Amino acid sequence: MPNLPISGLPAAGSLTGAELFAAVQSGVTTYTTLNDVATYVGSGSSGTSGTTGANGSSGTSGTNGANGSSGTSGTTGASGSSGTSGTTGANGSSGTSGTTPVTGSFMITGSSTGNTLTFTKGDGSTFNLYITPGGAFPINYGLFNQTGSSSPISGSTHISGSLIGGGVGSLSVPANNFVQGDAYQATFSGVLNAENNKTLQITIKSDSVVLADTGVISMPGITGDKRWRMDIDFSIREIGGAGTAEIATAGTIQFRTDSSGDVITEIFSDVNNTTFDTTIDNTLTVEAEWGNGPSNLSSIYSKLFTLLKTY
């Protein structure tokens, strides 16, 4: 082969890979083929695949591979696959329909008479509400409180009379205002003198209807304005007319005697289910009566009296 520069050599045709190249390895001249050179140089590495797109966006296309030195250009990296679309949220369930309001009669008018409020509804019906000194709705409240002493009951000309003096509030419950289960309490305290062996009886009434009494008490000698106390409880067990309504009454009376200040206690109770009537007005009265020929040395009166509704 003549000693010619490379540019003086004839141009090569289409390369097949079998063409020979000179190579120096460890100081020794050798040959290799175009295919071997291409294998050594290597094709450009494929671009990194794009990551999966968030929320269904397409992945980033891979970058083109770097050109190998004198080698064939690297192939274009594969495009990242499309991300999976998110699932559609479930529709909320429909709310429950509200219930149909209950219809009724509207209150349209109201009037008062004394301690009673009368209401007339839209349908023409009426009902009464009893207003006490404690208001319309309290359960425990005072009905009456005595503000002075009662008149003394004494001697042969005043052998009986009321133990209730003047005060504030009311001793009456209007017709049809008792409710089954109502409860009341009366408390008395006062001054007592008695001749030995004279008798005393205290009677509790609603108007003229007897609810209970102490029975006839044979009195010991009592002088010097000794103190006495009486507690009475009432319970409305049934309401209605006479023969249907029922009231239970129970109590105690206590008083001191001249005998070393001894205290005598008498207990009484009764149930009236024959003449008590809640369909009419009821007014409380409490009366004391002396017997067996008393003189002015026998006397009783109250200095305190209160009437409460306790239930």
C-alpha atoms as a PDB file:
ATOM      1  CA  MET A   1       0.000   0.000   0.000  1.00  0.00           C
ATOM      2  CA  PRO A   2       1.569   3.333  -0.962  1.00  0.00           C
ATOM      3  CA  ASN A   3       2.381   5.723   1.878  1.00  0.00           C
ATOM      4  CA  LEU A   4      -0.561   8.102   1.449  1.00  0.00           C
ATOM      5  CA  PRO A   5      -2.281  10.420   3.818  1.00  0.00           C
ATOM      6  CA  ILE A   6      -5.772   9.256   4.973  1.00  0.00           C
ATOM      7  CA  SER A   7      -7.356  11.876   2.821  1.00  0.00           C
ATOM      8  CA  GLY A   8      -5.638  10.366  -0.147  1.00  0.00           C
ATOM      9  CA  LEU A   9      -7.251   7.030   0.316  1.00  0.00           C
ATOM     10  CA  PRO A  10     -10.350   6.092  -1.605  1.00  0.00           C
ATOM     11  CA  ALA A  11     -13.685   6.701   0.219  1.00  0.00           C
ATOM     12  CA  ALA A  12     -15.276   3.684   1.891  1.00  0.00           C
ATOM     13  CA  GLY A  13     -18.652   2.425   0.819  1.00  0.00           C
ATOM     14  CA  SER A  14     -21.512   1.519   3.186  1.00  0.00           C
ATOM     15  CA  LEU A  15     -20.041   0.136   6.399  1.00  0.00           C
ATOM     16  CA  THR A  16     -20.829  -3.476   7.226  1.00  0.00           C
ATOM     17  CA  GLY A  17     -19.122  -3.733  10.586  1.00  0.00           C
ATOM     18  CA  ALA A  18     -16.488  -6.131   9.284  1.00  0.00           C
ATOM     19  CA  GLU A  19     -14.093  -3.366   8.331  1.00  0.00           C
ATOM     20  CA  LEU A  20     -10.684  -3.564  10.023  1.00  0.00           C
ATOM     21  CA  PHE A  21      -9.064  -0.982  12.292  1.00  0.00           C
ATOM     22  CA  ALA A  22      -5.555  -0.900  13.721  1.00  0.00           C
ATOM     23  CA  ALA A  23      -5.269  -0.831  17.477  1.00  0.00           C
ATOM     24  CA  VAL A  24      -2.292  -0.743  19.844  1.00  0.00           C
ATOM     25  CA  GLN A  25      -2.641  -2.826  22.981  1.00  0.00           C
ATOM     26  CA  SER A  26       0.255  -3.042  25.494  1.00  0.00           C
ATOM     27  CA  GLY A  27       2.670  -1.754  22.795  1.00  0.00           C
ATOM     28  CA  VAL A  28       1.579  -4.331  20.254  1.00  0.00           C
ATOM     29  CA  THR A  29      -0.176  -3.314  17.074  1.00  0.00           C
ATOM     30  CA  THR A  30      -3.319  -5.333  16.539  1.00  0.00           C
ATOM     31  CA  TYR A  31      -6.488  -5.029  14.552  1.00  0.00           C
ATOM     32  CA  THR A  32     -10.137  -4.954  15.366  1.00  0.00           C
ATOM     33  CA  THR A  33     -13.390  -4.570  13.465  1.00  0.00           C
ATOM     34  CA  LEU A  34     -15.875  -1.787  13.286  1.00  0.00           C
ATOM     35  CA  ASN A  35     -18.401  -3.948  15.108  1.00  0.00           C
ATOM     36  CA  ASP A  36     -15.999  -4.424  18.027  1.00  0.00           C
ATOM     37  CA  VAL A  37     -15.354  -0.707  18.191  1.00  0.00           C
ATOM     38  CA  ALA A  38     -19.092   0.001  18.147  1.00  0.00           C
ATOM     39  CA  THR A  39     -19.664  -2.547  20.895  1.00  0.00           C
ATOM     40  CA  TYR A  40     -16.934  -0.946  23.025  1.00  0.00           C
ATOM     41  CA  VAL A  41     -18.111   2.552  22.545  1.00  0.00           C
ATOM     42  CA  GLY A  42     -21.695   1.434  23.165  1.00  0.00           C
ATOM     43  CA  SER A  43     -24.833   3.061  22.172  1.00  0.00           C
ATOM     44  CA  GLY A  44     -26.088   6.041  24.256  1.00  0.00           C
ATOM     45  CA  SER A  45     -28.052   4.858  27.328  1.00  0.00           C
ATOM     46  CA  SER A  46     -31.815   5.152  27.157  1.00  0.00           C
ATOM     47  CA  GLY A  47     -33.352   8.076  28.954  1.00  0.00           C
ATOM     48  CA  THR A  48     -34.952   7.490  32.350  1.00  0.00           C
ATOM     49  CA  SER A  49     -38.650   6.792  32.032  1.00  0.00           C
ATOM     50  CA  GLY A  50     -40.879   9.543  33.323  1.00  0.00           C
ATOM     51  CA  THR A  51     -42.493   9.018  36.713  1.00  0.00           C
ATOM     52  CA  THR A  52     -46.160   8.305  36.863  1.00  0.00           C
ATOM     53  CA  GLY A  53     -48.077  11.595  36.665  1.00  0.00           C
ATOM     54  CA  ALA A  54     -49.835  12.686  39.849  1.00  0.00           C
ATOM     55  CA  ASN A  55     -53.607  12.531  39.677  1.00  0.00           C
ATOM     56  CA  GLY A  56     -53.729  11.286  36.126  1.00  0.00           C
ATOM     57  CA  SER A  57     -51.184  13.780  34.593  1.00  0.00           C
ATOM     58  CA  SER A  58     -48.920  12.325  31.942  1.00  0.00           C
ATOM     59  CA  GLY A  59     -45.485  11.260  33.024  1.00  0.00           C
ATOM     60  CA  THR A  60     -42.449  13.344  31.985  1.00  0.00           C
ATOM     61  CA  SER A  61     -40.865  12.122  28.799  1.00  0.00           C
ATOM     62  CA  GLY A  62     -37.435  10.560  29.201  1.00  0.00           C
ATOM     63  CA  THR A  63     -34.424  12.627  28.174  1.00  0.00           C
ATOM     64  CA  ASN A  64     -32.546  11.704  25.067  1.00  0.00           C
ATOM     65  CA  GLY A  65     -29.613   9.441  25.665  1.00  0.00           C
ATOM     66  CA  ALA A  66     -26.167  11.022  25.450  1.00  0.00           C
ATOM     67  CA  ASN A  67     -24.358  10.400  22.165  1.00  0.00           C
ATOM     68  CA  GLY A  68     -21.701   7.797  22.544  1.00  0.00           C
ATOM     69  CA  SER A  69     -18.239   8.747  21.556  1.00  0.00           C
ATOM     70  CA  SER A  70     -18.124   8.143  17.864  1.00  0.00           C
ATOM     71  CA  GLY A  71     -20.954   5.774  18.450  1.00  0.00           C
ATOM     72  CA  THR A  72     -24.500   5.675  17.235  1.00  0.00           C
ATOM     73  CA  SER A  73     -26.778   8.223  18.838  1.00  0.00           C
ATOM     74  CA  GLY A  74     -28.703   6.878  21.798  1.00  0.00           C
ATOM     75  CA  THR A  75     -32.346   6.088  21.338  1.00  0.00           C
ATOM     76  CA  THR A  76     -34.933   8.449  22.735  1.00  0.00           C
ATOM     77  CA  GLY A  77     -36.066   7.458  26.210  1.00  0.00           C
ATOM     78  CA  ALA A  78     -39.574   6.057  26.471  1.00  0.00           C
ATOM     79  CA  SER A  79     -42.250   8.455  27.689  1.00  0.00           C
ATOM     80  CA  GLY A  80     -43.586   7.841  31.180  1.00  0.00           C
ATOM     81  CA  SER A  81     -46.921   6.142  31.321  1.00  0.00           C
ATOM     82  CA  SER A  82     -49.977   8.218  32.221  1.00  0.00           C
ATOM     83  CA  GLY A  83     -50.934   8.280  35.896  1.00  0.00           C
ATOM     84  CA  THR A  84     -54.092   6.526  36.968  1.00  0.00           C
ATOM     85  CA  SER A  85     -57.038   8.883  37.402  1.00  0.00           C
ATOM     86  CA  GLY A  86     -58.439   9.190  40.927  1.00  0.00           C
ATOM     87  CA  THR A  87     -61.771   7.547  41.621  1.00  0.00           C
ATOM     88  CA  THR A  88     -64.887   9.710  41.700  1.00  0.00           C
ATOM     89  CA  GLY A  89     -66.139  10.455  45.232  1.00  0.00           C
ATOM     90  CA  ALA A  90     -69.411   8.843  46.257  1.00  0.00           C
ATOM     91  CA  ASN A  91     -72.446  11.101  46.320  1.00  0.00           C
ATOM     92  CA  GLY A  92     -73.730  11.933  49.828  1.00  0.00           C
ATOM     93  CA  SER A  93     -76.956  10.293  50.850  1.00  0.00           C
ATOM     94  CA  SER A  94     -80.076  12.428  50.962  1.00  0.00           C
ATOM     95  CA  GLY A  95     -81.043  13.834  54.392  1.00  0.00           C
ATOM     96  CA  THR A  96     -83.992  12.363  56.240  1.00  0.00           C
ATOM     97  CA  SER A  97     -87.148  14.313  55.772  1.00  0.00           C
ATOM     98  CA  GLY A  98     -88.383  16.150  58.879  1.00  0.00           C
ATOM     99  CA  THR A  99     -91.433  14.841  60.672  1.00  0.00           C
ATOM    100  CA  THR A 100     -94.709  16.541  60.114  1.00  0.00           C
ATOM    101  CA  PRO A 101     -95.455  18.935  63.014  1.00  0.00           C
ATOM    102  CA  VAL A 102     -98.272  17.984  65.328  1.00  0.00           C
ATOM    103  CA  THR A 103    -101.206  20.278  64.891  1.00  0.00           C
ATOM    104  CA  GLY A 104    -103.215  21.622  67.782  1.00  0.00           C
ATOM    105  CA  SER A 105    -105.273  24.526  69.018  1.00  0.00           C
ATOM    106  CA  PHE A 106    -103.566  27.843  69.559  1.00  0.00           C
ATOM    107  CA  MET A 107    -104.161  29.833  72.734  1.00  0.00           C
ATOM    108  CA  ILE A 108    -106.039  32.932  71.706  1.00  0.00           C
ATOM    109  CA  THR A 109    -107.490  34.560  74.860  1.00  0.00           C
ATOM    110  CA  GLY A 110    -107.003  34.569  78.615  1.00  0.00           C
ATOM    111  CA  SER A 111    -108.808  36.141  81.547  1.00  0.00           C
ATOM    112  CA  SER A 112    -108.424  36.126  85.320  1.00  0.00           C
ATOM    113  CA  THR A 113    -110.849  36.047  88.227  1.00  0.00           C
ATOM    114  CA  GLY A 114    -109.273  36.232  91.665  1.00  0.00           C
ATOM    115  CA  ASN A 115    -106.570  33.572  91.756  1.00  0.00           C
ATOM    116  CA  THR A 116    -107.795  31.738  88.640  1.00  0.00           C
ATOM    117  CA  LEU A 117    -106.636  32.269  85.044  1.00  0.00           C
ATOM    118  CA  THR A 118    -109.061  30.988  82.392  1.00  0.00           C
ATOM    119  CA  PHE A 119    -107.620  30.294  78.931  1.00  0.00           C
ATOM    120  CA  THR A 120    -109.658  29.828  75.754  1.00  0.00           C
ATOM    121  CA  LYS A 121    -108.050  27.854  72.909  1.00  0.00           C
ATOM    122  CA  GLY A 122    -108.624  28.104  69.180  1.00  0.00           C
ATOM    123  CA  ASP A 123    -111.018  25.180  69.201  1.00  0.00           C
ATOM    124  CA  GLY A 124    -113.222  26.930  71.760  1.00  0.00           C
ATOM    125  CA  SER A 125    -112.239  24.722  74.721  1.00  0.00           C
ATOM    126  CA  THR A 126    -111.046  26.283  77.984  1.00  0.00           C
ATOM    127  CA  PHE A 127    -108.947  25.358  80.991  1.00  0.00           C
ATOM    128  CA  ASN A 128    -108.235  27.030  84.332  1.00  0.00           C
ATOM    129  CA  LEU A 129    -104.895  27.713  85.986  1.00  0.00           C
ATOM    130  CA  TYR A 130    -104.885  28.494  89.711  1.00  0.00           C
ATOM    131  CA  ILE A 131    -102.360  31.203  90.608  1.00  0.00           C
ATOM    132  CA  THR A 132    -101.053  31.092  94.173  1.00  0.00           C
ATOM    133  CA  PRO A 133     -98.959  33.678  96.016  1.00  0.00           C
ATOM    134  CA  GLY A 134     -95.920  31.589  95.038  1.00  0.00           C
ATOM    135  CA  GLY A 135     -96.641  31.918  91.315  1.00  0.00           C
ATOM    136  CA  ALA A 136     -98.223  29.682  88.695  1.00  0.00           C
ATOM    137  CA  PHE A 137     -95.739  26.820  88.613  1.00  0.00           C
ATOM    138  CA  PRO A 138     -93.916  26.252  91.948  1.00  0.00           C
ATOM    139  CA  ILE A 139     -94.603  22.930  93.686  1.00  0.00           C
ATOM    140  CA  ASN A 140     -93.690  24.048  97.227  1.00  0.00           C
ATOM    141  CA  TYR A 141     -95.045  27.413  98.246  1.00  0.00           C
ATOM    142  CA  GLY A 142     -96.909  29.207 100.986  1.00  0.00           C
ATOM    143  CA  LEU A 143    -100.670  29.572 100.799  1.00  0.00           C
ATOM    144  CA  PHE A 144    -101.343  31.483 104.011  1.00  0.00           C
ATOM    145  CA  ASN A 145     -99.387  33.034 106.858  1.00  0.00           C
ATOM    146  CA  GLN A 146    -101.011  34.395 110.028  1.00  0.00           C
ATOM    147  CA  THR A 147     -99.761  37.897 110.908  1.00  0.00           C
ATOM    148  CA  GLY A 148    -101.284  38.205 114.385  1.00  0.00           C
ATOM    149  CA  SER A 149    -102.731  36.074 117.163  1.00  0.00           C
ATOM    150  CA  SER A 150    -106.119  34.414 116.979  1.00  0.00           C
ATOM    151  CA  SER A 151    -108.842  35.347 119.446  1.00  0.00           C
ATOM    152  CA  PRO A 152    -108.640  33.391 122.737  1.00  0.00           C
ATOM    153  CA  ILE A 153    -111.196  30.622 123.172  1.00  0.00           C
ATOM    154  CA  SER A 154    -112.070  30.558 126.885  1.00  0.00           C
ATOM    155  CA  GLY A 155    -114.788  30.606 129.534  1.00  0.00           C
ATOM    156  CA  SER A 156    -118.349  29.442 129.475  1.00  0.00           C
ATOM    157  CA  THR A 157    -119.407  32.067 126.897  1.00  0.00           C
ATOM    158  CA  HIS A 158    -116.675  31.370 124.342  1.00  0.00           C
ATOM    159  CA  ILE A 159    -116.247  27.620 124.628  1.00  0.00           C
ATOM    160  CA  SER A 160    -115.581  27.179 120.873  1.00  0.00           C
ATOM    161  CA  GLY A 161    -114.018  29.200 118.090  1.00  0.00           C
ATOM    162  CA  SER A 162    -111.402  29.386 115.357  1.00  0.00           C
ATOM    163  CA  LEU A 163    -107.686  28.910 115.996  1.00  0.00           C
ATOM    164  CA  ILE A 164    -106.869  30.840 112.800  1.00  0.00           C
ATOM    165  CA  GLY A 165    -106.249  34.582 113.017  1.00  0.00           C
ATOM    166  CA  GLY A 166    -105.891  37.215 110.323  1.00  0.00           C
ATOM    167  CA  GLY A 167    -103.062  36.994 107.826  1.00  0.00           C
ATOM    168  CA  VAL A 168    -101.964  37.124 104.195  1.00  0.00           C
ATOM    169  CA  GLY A 169    -102.670  34.626 101.442  1.00  0.00           C
ATOM    170  CA  SER A 170    -105.636  32.346 101.012  1.00  0.00           C
ATOM    171  CA  LEU A 171    -107.179  29.435 102.900  1.00  0.00           C
ATOM    172  CA  SER A 172    -109.349  28.468  99.901  1.00  0.00           C
ATOM    173  CA  VAL A 173    -108.824  26.208  96.894  1.00  0.00           C
ATOM    174  CA  PRO A 174    -111.240  26.931  94.011  1.00  0.00           C
ATOM    175  CA  ALA A 175    -113.499  24.275  92.555  1.00  0.00           C
ATOM    176  CA  ASN A 176    -111.725  21.693  90.376  1.00  0.00           C
ATOM    177  CA  ASN A 177    -108.262  22.975  91.290  1.00  0.00           C
ATOM    178  CA  PHE A 178    -107.227  20.030  93.458  1.00  0.00           C
ATOM    179  CA  VAL A 179    -105.047  17.480  91.638  1.00  0.00           C
ATOM    180  CA  GLN A 180    -104.611  13.885  92.738  1.00  0.00           C
ATOM    181  CA  GLY A 181    -101.395  13.712  94.753  1.00  0.00           C
ATOM    182  CA  ASP A 182    -101.523  17.290  96.055  1.00  0.00           C
ATOM    183  CA  ALA A 183    -100.163  17.593  99.595  1.00  0.00           C
ATOM    184  CA  TYR A 184    -100.449  20.377 102.192  1.00  0.00           C
ATOM    185  CA  GLN A 185     -99.089  21.083 105.663  1.00  0.00           C
ATOM    186  CA  ALA A 186    -100.471  23.315 108.452  1.00  0.00           C
ATOM    187  CA  THR A 187     -98.413  24.374 111.481  1.00  0.00           C
ATOM    188  CA  PHE A 188     -99.808  26.011 114.635  1.00  0.00           C
ATOM    189  CA  SER A 189     -98.177  27.293 117.809  1.00  0.00           C
ATOM    190  CA  GLY A 190     -99.670  29.277 120.691  1.00  0.00           C
ATOM    191  CA  VAL A 191    -100.589  29.649 124.340  1.00  0.00           C
ATOM    192  CA  LEU A 192    -102.649  27.258 126.504  1.00  0.00           C
ATOM    193  CA  ASN A 193    -104.137  27.246 130.019  1.00  0.00           C
ATOM    194  CA  ALA A 194    -106.439  24.507 131.283  1.00  0.00           C
ATOM    195  CA  GLU A 195    -108.327  23.517 134.408  1.00  0.00           C
ATOM    196  CA  ASN A 196    -107.751  19.985 135.589  1.00  0.00           C
ATOM    197  CA  ASN A 197    -110.193  17.451 134.068  1.00  0.00           C
ATOM    198  CA  LYS A 198    -111.731  19.932 131.599  1.00  0.00           C
ATOM    199  CA  THR A 199    -111.848  18.637 128.028  1.00  0.00           C
ATOM    200  CA  LEU A 200    -110.523  20.058 124.781  1.00  0.00           C
ATOM    201  CA  GLN A 201    -111.284  18.952 121.243  1.00  0.00           C
ATOM    202  CA  ILE A 202    -109.833  20.425 118.041  1.00  0.00           C
ATOM    203  CA  THR A 203    -111.610  19.808 114.735  1.00  0.00           C
ATOM    204  CA  ILE A 204    -110.166  20.324 111.223  1.00  0.00           C
ATOM    205  CA  LYS A 205    -112.737  21.123 108.532  1.00  0.00           C
ATOM    206  CA  SER A 206    -113.169  22.124 104.931  1.00  0.00           C
ATOM    207  CA  ASP A 207    -116.050  24.541 105.321  1.00  0.00           C
ATOM    208  CA  SER A 208    -118.575  22.358 107.205  1.00  0.00           C
ATOM    209  CA  VAL A 209    -117.048  19.006 106.176  1.00  0.00           C
ATOM    210  CA  VAL A 210    -115.032  17.370 108.978  1.00  0.00           C
ATOM    211  CA  LEU A 211    -111.650  16.102 107.784  1.00  0.00           C
ATOM    212  CA  ALA A 212    -110.232  14.974 111.161  1.00  0.00           C
ATOM    213  CA  ASP A 213    -110.244  15.814 114.868  1.00  0.00           C
ATOM    214  CA  THR A 214    -108.091  15.234 117.922  1.00  0.00           C
ATOM    215  CA  GLY A 215    -110.838  13.459 119.792  1.00  0.00           C
ATOM    216  CA  VAL A 216    -111.869  14.638 123.267  1.00  0.00           C
ATOM    217  CA  ILE A 217    -108.717  15.243 125.349  1.00  0.00           C
ATOM    218  CA  SER A 218    -109.057  15.217 129.148  1.00  0.00           C
ATOM    219  CA  MET A 219    -106.765  18.049 130.167  1.00  0.00           C
ATOM    220  CA  PRO A 220    -104.358  18.126 133.117  1.00  0.00           C
ATOM    221  CA  GLY A 221    -103.866  21.306 135.078  1.00  0.00           C
ATOM    222  CA  ILE A 222    -101.993  23.881 132.949  1.00  0.00           C
ATOM    223  CA  THR A 223    -101.245  27.386 134.180  1.00  0.00           C
ATOM    224  CA  GLY A 224     -98.804  30.185 133.375  1.00  0.00           C
ATOM    225  CA  ASP A 225     -99.471  30.399 129.614  1.00  0.00           C
ATOM    226  CA  LYS A 226     -97.805  27.157 128.607  1.00  0.00           C
ATOM    227  CA  ARG A 227     -96.897  26.621 124.930  1.00  0.00           C
ATOM    228  CA  TRP A 228     -98.589  24.228 122.537  1.00  0.00           C
ATOM    229  CA  ARG A 229     -97.892  23.127 118.940  1.00  0.00           C
ATOM    230  CA  MET A 230     -99.928  21.278 116.316  1.00  0.00           C
ATOM    231  CA  ASP A 231     -98.790  19.939 112.905  1.00  0.00           C
ATOM    232  CA  ILE A 232    -101.283  18.688 110.324  1.00  0.00           C
ATOM    233  CA  ASP A 233    -100.640  17.000 106.945  1.00  0.00           C
ATOM    234  CA  PHE A 234    -103.186  16.647 104.146  1.00  0.00           C
ATOM    235  CA  SER A 235    -103.043  14.377 101.070  1.00  0.00           C
ATOM    236  CA  ILE A 236    -105.479  14.485  98.132  1.00  0.00           C
ATOM    237  CA  ARG A 237    -105.910  10.812  97.255  1.00  0.00           C
ATOM    238  CA  GLU A 238    -108.798  11.102  94.774  1.00  0.00           C
ATOM    239  CA  ILE A 239    -110.610  14.011  93.133  1.00  0.00           C
ATOM    240  CA  GLY A 240    -114.258  14.343  92.147  1.00  0.00           C
ATOM    241  CA  GLY A 241    -117.613  14.783  93.793  1.00  0.00           C
ATOM    242  CA  ALA A 242    -118.684  13.580  97.220  1.00  0.00           C
ATOM    243  CA  GLY A 243    -118.306   9.801  97.408  1.00  0.00           C
ATOM    244  CA  THR A 244    -115.475   9.838  94.852  1.00  0.00           C
ATOM    245  CA  ALA A 245    -113.046  12.417  96.231  1.00  0.00           C
ATOM    246  CA  GLU A 246    -110.821  11.305  99.076  1.00  0.00           C
ATOM    247  CA  ILE A 247    -108.564  13.217 101.466  1.00  0.00           C
ATOM    248  CA  ALA A 248    -106.294  11.814 104.200  1.00  0.00           C
ATOM    249  CA  THR A 249    -105.525  14.003 107.233  1.00  0.00           C
ATOM    250  CA  ALA A 250    -103.060  13.266 110.029  1.00  0.00           C
ATOM    251  CA  GLY A 251    -101.387  15.269 112.767  1.00  0.00           C
ATOM    252  CA  THR A 252    -100.068  15.687 116.295  1.00  0.00           C
ATOM    253  CA  ILE A 253    -100.756  18.186 119.072  1.00  0.00           C
ATOM    254  CA  GLN A 254     -98.285  18.737 121.917  1.00  0.00           C
ATOM    255  CA  PHE A 255     -98.522  20.851 125.088  1.00  0.00           C
ATOM    256  CA  ARG A 256     -96.656  21.334 128.354  1.00  0.00           C
ATOM    257  CA  THR A 257     -98.270  20.635 131.704  1.00  0.00           C
ATOM    258  CA  ASP A 258     -97.682  21.898 135.243  1.00  0.00           C
ATOM    259  CA  SER A 259     -96.313  18.474 136.204  1.00  0.00           C
ATOM    260  CA  SER A 260     -92.540  19.116 136.016  1.00  0.00           C
ATOM    261  CA  GLY A 261     -92.974  20.579 132.532  1.00  0.00           C
ATOM    262  CA  ASP A 262     -94.039  17.255 131.063  1.00  0.00           C
ATOM    263  CA  VAL A 263     -95.008  17.331 127.364  1.00  0.00           C
ATOM    264  CA  ILE A 264     -98.147  15.478 126.316  1.00  0.00           C
ATOM    265  CA  THR A 265     -98.520  14.407 122.683  1.00  0.00           C
ATOM    266  CA  GLU A 266    -101.789  13.367 121.067  1.00  0.00           C
ATOM    267  CA  ILE A 267    -101.793  11.760 117.593  1.00  0.00           C
ATOM    268  CA  PHE A 268    -104.795  11.794 115.259  1.00  0.00           C
ATOM    269  CA  SER A 269    -105.634  10.794 111.668  1.00  0.00           C
ATOM    270  CA  ASP A 270    -108.640  10.171 109.461  1.00  0.00           C
ATOM    271  CA  VAL A 271    -109.716   9.640 105.827  1.00  0.00           C
ATOM    272  CA  ASN A 272    -112.813  11.312 104.377  1.00  0.00           C
ATOM    273  CA  ASN A 273    -114.122   9.617 101.231  1.00  0.00           C
ATOM    274  CA  THR A 274    -117.812  10.286 101.721  1.00  0.00           C
ATOM    275  CA  THR A 275    -118.468  14.032 102.061  1.00  0.00           C
ATOM    276  CA  PHE A 276    -115.285  15.667 100.736  1.00  0.00           C
ATOM    277  CA  ASP A 277    -115.874  17.252  97.287  1.00  0.00           C
ATOM    278  CA  THR A 278    -113.193  18.766  95.002  1.00  0.00           C
ATOM    279  CA  THR A 279    -115.714  20.052  92.448  1.00  0.00           C
ATOM    280  CA  ILE A 280    -116.647  22.915  94.794  1.00  0.00           C
ATOM    281  CA  ASP A 281    -114.614  25.596  96.601  1.00  0.00           C
ATOM    282  CA  ASN A 282    -112.889  24.338  99.763  1.00  0.00           C
ATOM    283  CA  THR A 283    -111.852  26.620 102.654  1.00  0.00           C
ATOM    284  CA  LEU A 284    -109.843  25.354 105.635  1.00  0.00           C
ATOM    285  CA  THR A 285    -111.116  25.972 109.172  1.00  0.00           C
ATOM    286  CA  VAL A 286    -109.646  24.735 112.475  1.00  0.00           C
ATOM    287  CA  GLU A 287    -111.774  25.027 115.606  1.00  0.00           C
ATOM    288  CA  ALA A 288    -111.189  24.366 119.313  1.00  0.00           C
ATOM    289  CA  GLU A 289    -113.955  23.556 121.806  1.00  0.00           C
ATOM    290  CA  TRP A 290    -113.846  23.309 125.601  1.00  0.00           C
ATOM    291  CA  GLY A 291    -116.098  20.918 127.468  1.00  0.00           C
ATOM    292  CA  ASN A 292    -117.053  19.855 130.964  1.00  0.00           C
ATOM    293  CA  GLY A 293    -117.927  23.309 132.285  1.00  0.00           C
ATOM    294  CA  PRO A 294    -114.795  25.397 131.728  1.00  0.00           C
ATOM    295  CA  SER A 295    -114.253  28.839 133.211  1.00  0.00           C
ATOM    296  CA  ASN A 296    -112.026  31.695 132.035  1.00  0.00           C
ATOM    297  CA  LEU A 297    -109.096  29.784 133.515  1.00  0.00           C
ATOM    298  CA  SER A 298    -109.226  27.485 130.482  1.00  0.00           C
ATOM    299  CA  SER A 299    -108.126  29.219 127.284  1.00  0.00           C
ATOM    300  CA  ILE A 300    -106.289  28.530 124.043  1.00  0.00           C
ATOM    301  CA  TYR A 301    -105.201  30.669 121.092  1.00  0.00           C
ATOM    302  CA  SER A 302    -102.585  30.590 118.316  1.00  0.00           C
ATOM    303  CA  LYS A 303     -99.720  32.985 117.858  1.00  0.00           C
ATOM    304  CA  LEU A 304     -98.430  31.372 114.680  1.00  0.00           C
ATOM    305  CA  PHE A 305    -100.121  29.574 111.795  1.00  0.00           C
ATOM    306  CA  THR A 306     -98.829  28.808 108.296  1.00  0.00           C
ATOM    307  CA  LEU A 307    -100.334  26.750 105.484  1.00  0.00           C
ATOM    308  CA  LEU A 308     -98.021  25.340 102.813  1.00  0.00           C
ATOM    309  CA  LYS A 309     -98.442  23.299  99.649  1.00  0.00           C
ATOM    310  CA  THR A 310     -95.731  20.670  99.885  1.00  0.00           C
ATOM    311  CA  TYR A 311     -96.394  18.656  96.706  1.00  0.00           C
END
